[in-house]
C-alpha atoms as a PDB file:
ATOM      1  CA  MET A   1     -19.385 -11.437   6.407  1.00  0.00           C
ATOM      2  CA  GLY A   2     -21.519 -11.262   9.544  1.00  0.00           C
ATOM      3  CA  PRO A   3     -20.273  -7.891  10.824  1.00  0.00           C
ATOM      4  CA  PHE A   4     -20.763  -6.312   7.382  1.00  0.00           C
ATOM      5  CA  LEU A   5     -24.312  -7.651   7.120  1.00  0.00           C
ATOM      6  CA  ARG A   6     -25.202  -6.471  10.642  1.00  0.00           C
ATOM      7  CA  ALA A   7     -23.817  -2.995   9.952  1.00  0.00           C
ATOM      8  CA  ALA A   8     -25.596  -2.795   6.589  1.00  0.00           C
ATOM      9  CA  ARG A   9     -28.909  -3.838   8.115  1.00  0.00           C
ATOM     10  CA  ALA A  10     -28.489  -1.210  10.835  1.00  0.00           C
ATOM     11  CA  LEU A  11     -27.919   1.423   8.136  1.00  0.00           C
ATOM     12  CA  GLU A  12     -30.993   0.186   6.259  1.00  0.00           C
ATOM     13  CA  ALA A  13     -33.042   0.519   9.457  1.00  0.00           C
ATOM     14  CA  GLU A  14     -31.860   4.119   9.740  1.00  0.00           C
ATOM     15  CA  GLY A  15     -33.118   4.830   6.217  1.00  0.00           C
ATOM     16  CA  ALA A  16     -30.015   4.364   4.045  1.00  0.00           C
ATOM     17  CA  ASP A  17     -30.959   4.159   0.373  1.00  0.00           C
ATOM     18  CA  GLY A  18     -27.744   2.341  -0.564  1.00  0.00           C
ATOM     19  CA  ILE A  19     -24.830   0.594   1.121  1.00  0.00           C
ATOM     20  CA  ALA A  20     -21.183   1.013   0.151  1.00  0.00           C
ATOM     21  CA  THR A  21     -17.918  -0.384   1.429  1.00  0.00           C
ATOM     22  CA  SER A  22     -14.514   0.823   0.392  1.00  0.00           C
ATOM     23  CA  CYS A  23     -11.932  -1.984   0.313  1.00  0.00           C
ATOM     24  CA  GLY A  24     -11.607  -3.565  -3.119  1.00  0.00           C
ATOM     25  CA  PHE A  25     -11.169  -6.993  -1.552  1.00  0.00           C
ATOM     26  CA  LEU A  26     -14.755  -6.826  -0.274  1.00  0.00           C
ATOM     27  CA  ALA A  27     -15.958  -7.736  -3.771  1.00  0.00           C
ATOM     28  CA  LEU A  28     -16.159 -11.235  -2.306  1.00  0.00           C
ATOM     29  CA  PHE A  29     -19.240 -10.114  -0.339  1.00  0.00           C
ATOM     30  CA  GLN A  30     -21.073  -8.336  -3.168  1.00  0.00           C
ATOM     31  CA  GLU A  31     -23.447 -11.117  -4.160  1.00  0.00           C
ATOM     32  CA  GLU A  32     -24.347 -12.178  -0.642  1.00  0.00           C
ATOM     33  CA  LEU A  33     -24.898  -8.636   0.651  1.00  0.00           C
ATOM     34  CA  ALA A  34     -26.998  -7.707  -2.386  1.00  0.00           C
ATOM     35  CA  ALA A  35     -29.102 -10.839  -1.876  1.00  0.00           C
ATOM     36  CA  ARG A  36     -29.746 -10.102   1.797  1.00  0.00           C
ATOM     37  CA  LEU A  37     -30.396  -6.356   1.706  1.00  0.00           C
ATOM     38  CA  SER A  38     -33.301  -4.345   0.322  1.00  0.00           C
ATOM     39  CA  VAL A  39     -31.186  -1.480  -1.063  1.00  0.00           C
ATOM     40  CA  PRO A  40     -28.443  -1.382  -3.718  1.00  0.00           C
ATOM     41  CA  VAL A  41     -24.968  -2.428  -2.581  1.00  0.00           C
ATOM     42  CA  ALA A  42     -21.557  -1.318  -3.889  1.00  0.00           C
ATOM     43  CA  THR A  43     -18.751  -3.237  -2.205  1.00  0.00           C
ATOM     44  CA  SER A  44     -15.684  -2.650  -4.355  1.00  0.00           C
ATOM     45  CA  SER A  45     -14.089  -0.436  -6.988  1.00  0.00           C
ATOM     46  CA  LEU A  46     -13.469  -3.683  -8.898  1.00  0.00           C
ATOM     47  CA  LEU A  47     -17.173  -3.820  -9.790  1.00  0.00           C
ATOM     48  CA  GLN A  48     -16.470  -1.131 -12.406  1.00  0.00           C
ATOM     49  CA  ILE A  49     -14.302  -3.421 -14.518  1.00  0.00           C
ATOM     50  CA  PRO A  50     -16.982  -5.005 -16.757  1.00  0.00           C
ATOM     51  CA  LEU A  51     -18.502  -1.599 -17.554  1.00  0.00           C
ATOM     52  CA  ILE A  52     -15.152   0.058 -18.238  1.00  0.00           C
ATOM     53  CA  GLU A  53     -14.136  -2.771 -20.560  1.00  0.00           C
ATOM     54  CA  ARG A  54     -17.293  -2.220 -22.612  1.00  0.00           C
ATOM     55  CA  LEU A  55     -16.265   1.420 -23.049  1.00  0.00           C
ATOM     56  CA  LEU A  56     -12.734   0.705 -24.273  1.00  0.00           C
ATOM     57  CA  PRO A  57     -11.698   0.407 -27.908  1.00  0.00           C
ATOM     58  CA  ALA A  58     -11.584  -3.090 -29.362  1.00  0.00           C
ATOM     59  CA  GLY A  59      -8.550  -5.063 -28.211  1.00  0.00           C
ATOM     60  CA  GLN A  60      -8.074  -3.114 -24.985  1.00  0.00           C
ATOM     61  CA  ARG A  61      -8.797  -4.217 -21.444  1.00  0.00           C
ATOM     62  CA  VAL A  62      -8.627  -3.026 -17.853  1.00  0.00           C
ATOM     63  CA  GLY A  63      -5.622  -3.529 -15.614  1.00  0.00           C
ATOM     64  CA  ILE A  64      -5.741  -3.411 -11.826  1.00  0.00           C
ATOM     65  CA  ILE A  65      -3.324  -1.818  -9.403  1.00  0.00           C
ATOM     66  CA  THR A  66      -3.740  -3.222  -5.918  1.00  0.00           C
ATOM     67  CA  VAL A  67      -1.990  -2.738  -2.621  1.00  0.00           C
ATOM     68  CA  SER A  68      -1.351  -6.499  -2.452  1.00  0.00           C
ATOM     69  CA  ALA A  69      -1.134  -8.338  -5.776  1.00  0.00           C
ATOM     70  CA  GLY A  70      -0.538 -11.640  -4.006  1.00  0.00           C
ATOM     71  CA  SER A  71      -3.819 -11.322  -2.110  1.00  0.00           C
ATOM     72  CA  LEU A  72      -6.074 -10.395  -5.045  1.00  0.00           C
ATOM     73  CA  THR A  73      -7.400 -13.741  -6.249  1.00  0.00           C
ATOM     74  CA  ALA A  74      -9.449 -15.039  -9.138  1.00  0.00           C
ATOM     75  CA  ALA A  75     -12.355 -15.289  -6.683  1.00  0.00           C
ATOM     76  CA  HIS A  76     -12.216 -11.520  -6.092  1.00  0.00           C
ATOM     77  CA  LEU A  77     -12.252 -10.882  -9.828  1.00  0.00           C
ATOM     78  CA  GLU A  78     -15.112 -13.301 -10.472  1.00  0.00           C
ATOM     79  CA  SER A  79     -17.123 -11.777  -7.622  1.00  0.00           C
ATOM     80  CA  ALA A  80     -16.723  -8.392  -9.324  1.00  0.00           C
ATOM     81  CA  GLY A  81     -17.793  -9.790 -12.698  1.00  0.00           C
ATOM     82  CA  ALA A  82     -14.285  -9.404 -14.123  1.00  0.00           C
ATOM     83  CA  ASP A  83     -12.282 -11.866 -16.170  1.00  0.00           C
ATOM     84  CA  ARG A  84     -10.005 -14.080 -14.045  1.00  0.00           C
ATOM     85  CA  ALA A  85      -7.170 -13.148 -16.400  1.00  0.00           C
ATOM     86  CA  THR A  86      -7.432  -9.411 -15.730  1.00  0.00           C
ATOM     87  CA  PRO A  87      -3.846  -8.133 -15.349  1.00  0.00           C
ATOM     88  CA  VAL A  88      -2.885  -7.114 -11.819  1.00  0.00           C
ATOM     89  CA  ALA A  89       0.131  -5.257 -10.448  1.00  0.00           C
ATOM     90  CA  GLY A  90       1.022  -4.048  -7.002  1.00  0.00           C
ATOM     91  CA  PRO A  91       3.760  -1.891  -5.559  1.00  0.00           C
ATOM     92  CA  GLY A  92       5.383  -4.745  -3.642  1.00  0.00           C
ATOM     93  CA  GLU A  93       5.606  -5.683   0.006  1.00  0.00           C
ATOM     94  CA  ASP A  94       8.611  -3.421   0.654  1.00  0.00           C
ATOM     95  CA  SER A  95       6.943  -0.322  -0.821  1.00  0.00           C
ATOM     96  CA  GLU A  96       5.977   2.733   1.204  1.00  0.00           C
ATOM     97  CA  ILE A  97       2.308   2.312   0.407  1.00  0.00           C
ATOM     98  CA  ALA A  98       2.278  -1.332   1.553  1.00  0.00           C
ATOM     99  CA  ARG A  99       4.306  -0.479   4.649  1.00  0.00           C
ATOM    100  CA  ALA A 100       1.881   2.242   5.622  1.00  0.00           C
ATOM    101  CA  PHE A 101      -1.447   0.639   4.754  1.00  0.00           C
ATOM    102  CA  LEU A 102      -0.833  -3.055   5.276  1.00  0.00           C
ATOM    103  CA  GLY A 103       1.457  -2.416   8.230  1.00  0.00           C
ATOM    104  CA  ASP A 104      -0.971   0.113   9.725  1.00  0.00           C
ATOM    105  CA  ALA A 105       1.821   2.673  10.067  1.00  0.00           C
ATOM    106  CA  PRO A 106       0.912   6.002  11.681  1.00  0.00           C
ATOM    107  CA  VAL A 107       2.772   8.058   9.030  1.00  0.00           C
ATOM    108  CA  LEU A 108       2.851   7.899   5.238  1.00  0.00           C
ATOM    109  CA  ASP A 109       5.436   9.454   2.934  1.00  0.00           C
ATOM    110  CA  VAL A 110       2.938  10.715   0.345  1.00  0.00           C
ATOM    111  CA  GLU A 111       5.513  11.317  -2.391  1.00  0.00           C
ATOM    112  CA  ALA A 112       7.002   7.843  -1.977  1.00  0.00           C
ATOM    113  CA  ALA A 113       3.513   6.289  -1.998  1.00  0.00           C
ATOM    114  CA  GLN A 114       2.692   8.096  -5.240  1.00  0.00           C
ATOM    115  CA  ALA A 115       5.959   6.875  -6.749  1.00  0.00           C
ATOM    116  CA  ASP A 116       4.968   3.318  -5.738  1.00  0.00           C
ATOM    117  CA  VAL A 117       1.645   3.614  -7.572  1.00  0.00           C
ATOM    118  CA  LEU A 118       3.262   5.122 -10.681  1.00  0.00           C
ATOM    119  CA  ASP A 119       5.880   2.361 -10.696  1.00  0.00           C
ATOM    120  CA  ALA A 120       3.163  -0.311 -10.449  1.00  0.00           C
ATOM    121  CA  GLY A 121       1.411   1.344 -13.389  1.00  0.00           C
ATOM    122  CA  ASP A 122       4.601   1.326 -15.445  1.00  0.00           C
ATOM    123  CA  ARG A 123       5.157  -2.369 -14.750  1.00  0.00           C
ATOM    124  CA  LEU A 124       1.542  -3.175 -15.601  1.00  0.00           C
ATOM    125  CA  LEU A 125       1.794  -1.481 -19.002  1.00  0.00           C
ATOM    126  CA  GLN A 126       5.223  -2.968 -19.732  1.00  0.00           C
ATOM    127  CA  SER A 127       3.865  -6.468 -19.264  1.00  0.00           C
ATOM    128  CA  HIS A 128       0.444  -5.853 -20.878  1.00  0.00           C
ATOM    129  CA  ALA A 129       0.446  -3.496 -23.848  1.00  0.00           C
ATOM    130  CA  ASP A 130      -3.329  -3.904 -24.298  1.00  0.00           C
ATOM    131  CA  ILE A 131      -4.238  -2.034 -21.092  1.00  0.00           C
ATOM    132  CA  GLY A 132      -6.634   0.775 -21.997  1.00  0.00           C
ATOM    133  CA  ALA A 133      -7.684   1.801 -18.465  1.00  0.00           C
ATOM    134  CA  ILE A 134      -6.686   1.207 -14.857  1.00  0.00           C
ATOM    135  CA  VAL A 135      -8.831   0.402 -11.821  1.00  0.00           C
ATOM    136  CA  LEU A 136      -7.320   1.082  -8.415  1.00  0.00           C
ATOM    137  CA  GLU A 137      -8.394  -1.662  -6.013  1.00  0.00           C
ATOM    138  CA  CYS A 138      -7.208   0.059  -2.856  1.00  0.00           C
ATOM    139  CA  THR A 139      -9.261   2.922  -1.466  1.00  0.00           C
ATOM    140  CA  ASN A 140      -6.058   4.529  -0.217  1.00  0.00           C
ATOM    141  CA  MET A 141      -4.745   4.822  -3.772  1.00  0.00           C
ATOM    142  CA  ALA A 142      -7.511   7.197  -4.904  1.00  0.00           C
ATOM    143  CA  PRO A 143      -5.424  10.328  -4.168  1.00  0.00           C
ATOM    144  CA  TYR A 144      -2.929   9.145  -6.800  1.00  0.00           C
ATOM    145  CA  ALA A 145      -5.464   8.546  -9.603  1.00  0.00           C
ATOM    146  CA  ARG A 146      -4.878  11.884 -11.329  1.00  0.00           C
ATOM    147  CA  ALA A 147      -1.089  11.552 -11.254  1.00  0.00           C
ATOM    148  CA  LEU A 148      -1.331   7.966 -12.521  1.00  0.00           C
ATOM    149  CA  SER A 149      -3.663   8.949 -15.363  1.00  0.00           C
ATOM    150  CA  ALA A 150      -1.342  11.771 -16.425  1.00  0.00           C
ATOM    151  CA  HIS A 151       1.687   9.473 -16.152  1.00  0.00           C
ATOM    152  CA  LEU A 152       0.211   6.560 -18.127  1.00  0.00           C
ATOM    153  CA  HIS A 153      -2.054   8.551 -20.471  1.00  0.00           C
ATOM    154  CA  ARG A 154      -4.935   6.243 -19.587  1.00  0.00           C
ATOM    155  CA  PRO A 155      -8.203   6.704 -17.712  1.00  0.00           C
ATOM    156  CA  VAL A 156      -7.983   5.671 -14.065  1.00  0.00           C
ATOM    157  CA  TYR A 157     -10.985   4.622 -11.997  1.00  0.00           C
ATOM    158  CA  ASP A 158     -11.100   4.206  -8.229  1.00  0.00           C
ATOM    159  CA  ILE A 159     -13.529   3.950  -5.351  1.00  0.00           C
ATOM    160  CA  VAL A 160     -14.314   7.673  -5.594  1.00  0.00           C
ATOM    161  CA  SER A 161     -15.335   7.466  -9.253  1.00  0.00           C
ATOM    162  CA  PHE A 162     -17.404   4.362  -8.481  1.00  0.00           C
ATOM    163  CA  LEU A 163     -19.229   5.785  -5.473  1.00  0.00           C
ATOM    164  CA  THR A 164     -19.833   9.095  -7.250  1.00  0.00           C
ATOM    165  CA  TRP A 165     -21.634   7.138  -9.985  1.00  0.00           C
ATOM    166  CA  PHE A 166     -23.429   4.948  -7.416  1.00  0.00           C
ATOM    167  CA  GLN A 167     -24.696   7.955  -5.453  1.00  0.00           C
ATOM    168  CA  ALA A 168     -25.786   9.741  -8.644  1.00  0.00           C
ATOM    169  CA  GLY A 169     -28.271   6.928  -9.213  1.00  0.00           C
ATOM    170  CA  LEU A 170     -29.521   6.913  -5.635  1.00  0.00           C
ATOM    171  CA  SER A 171     -30.109  10.657  -5.666  1.00  0.00           C
ATOM    172  CA  PRO A 172     -30.443  11.850  -9.266  1.00  0.00           C
ATOM    173  CA  ARG A 173     -29.610  15.412 -10.074  1.00  0.00           C
ATOM    174  CA  GLU A 174     -32.486  17.840 -10.407  1.00  0.00           C
ATOM    175  CA  PHE A 175     -32.636  20.037 -13.488  1.00  0.00           C
ATOM    176  CA  ASP A 176     -34.423  23.351 -13.733  1.00  0.00           C
ATOM    177  CA  ARG A 177     -37.447  23.237 -15.984  1.00  0.00           C
ATOM    178  CA  PRO A 178     -38.024  25.904 -18.599  1.00  0.00           C
ATOM    179  CA  ARG A 179     -40.864  28.254 -17.710  1.00  0.00           C
END
């Protein structure tokens, strides 16, 4: 947590009006960073889950696709304000996306990575028919959000959708006034 706090404080000192991180697993630091900084903090795409669930029809809930299902714990979910029982799926340790991102590979087969994300989405819906929306934990999965949404016929939220919303509050849009 120390390096994140030091970096955030340095950004504050430079005049940042908000602090954001990108890895979904950093939800664990949300509360502590928010308590120690003087600007709003957005640590994880997972923070969207409670809001998205309030938008869904009755009986539906959010499902999560993560790069590492075995590493996403109840503590991460609780830190994001999500139910511990939120369904989670990942592409698997032998997938292209895990190989590239967890293994820090220099090259990614983009088509294979997209297939991994779509497959994880299929498995999530097969095991949980009540999924009304998906949140992508991994920042690197954002490029596949549109394909996943089209494939599953569900809304898909990621770090880009979250930070777009976050920034819109920090710097609200200006509207022309009638003359």
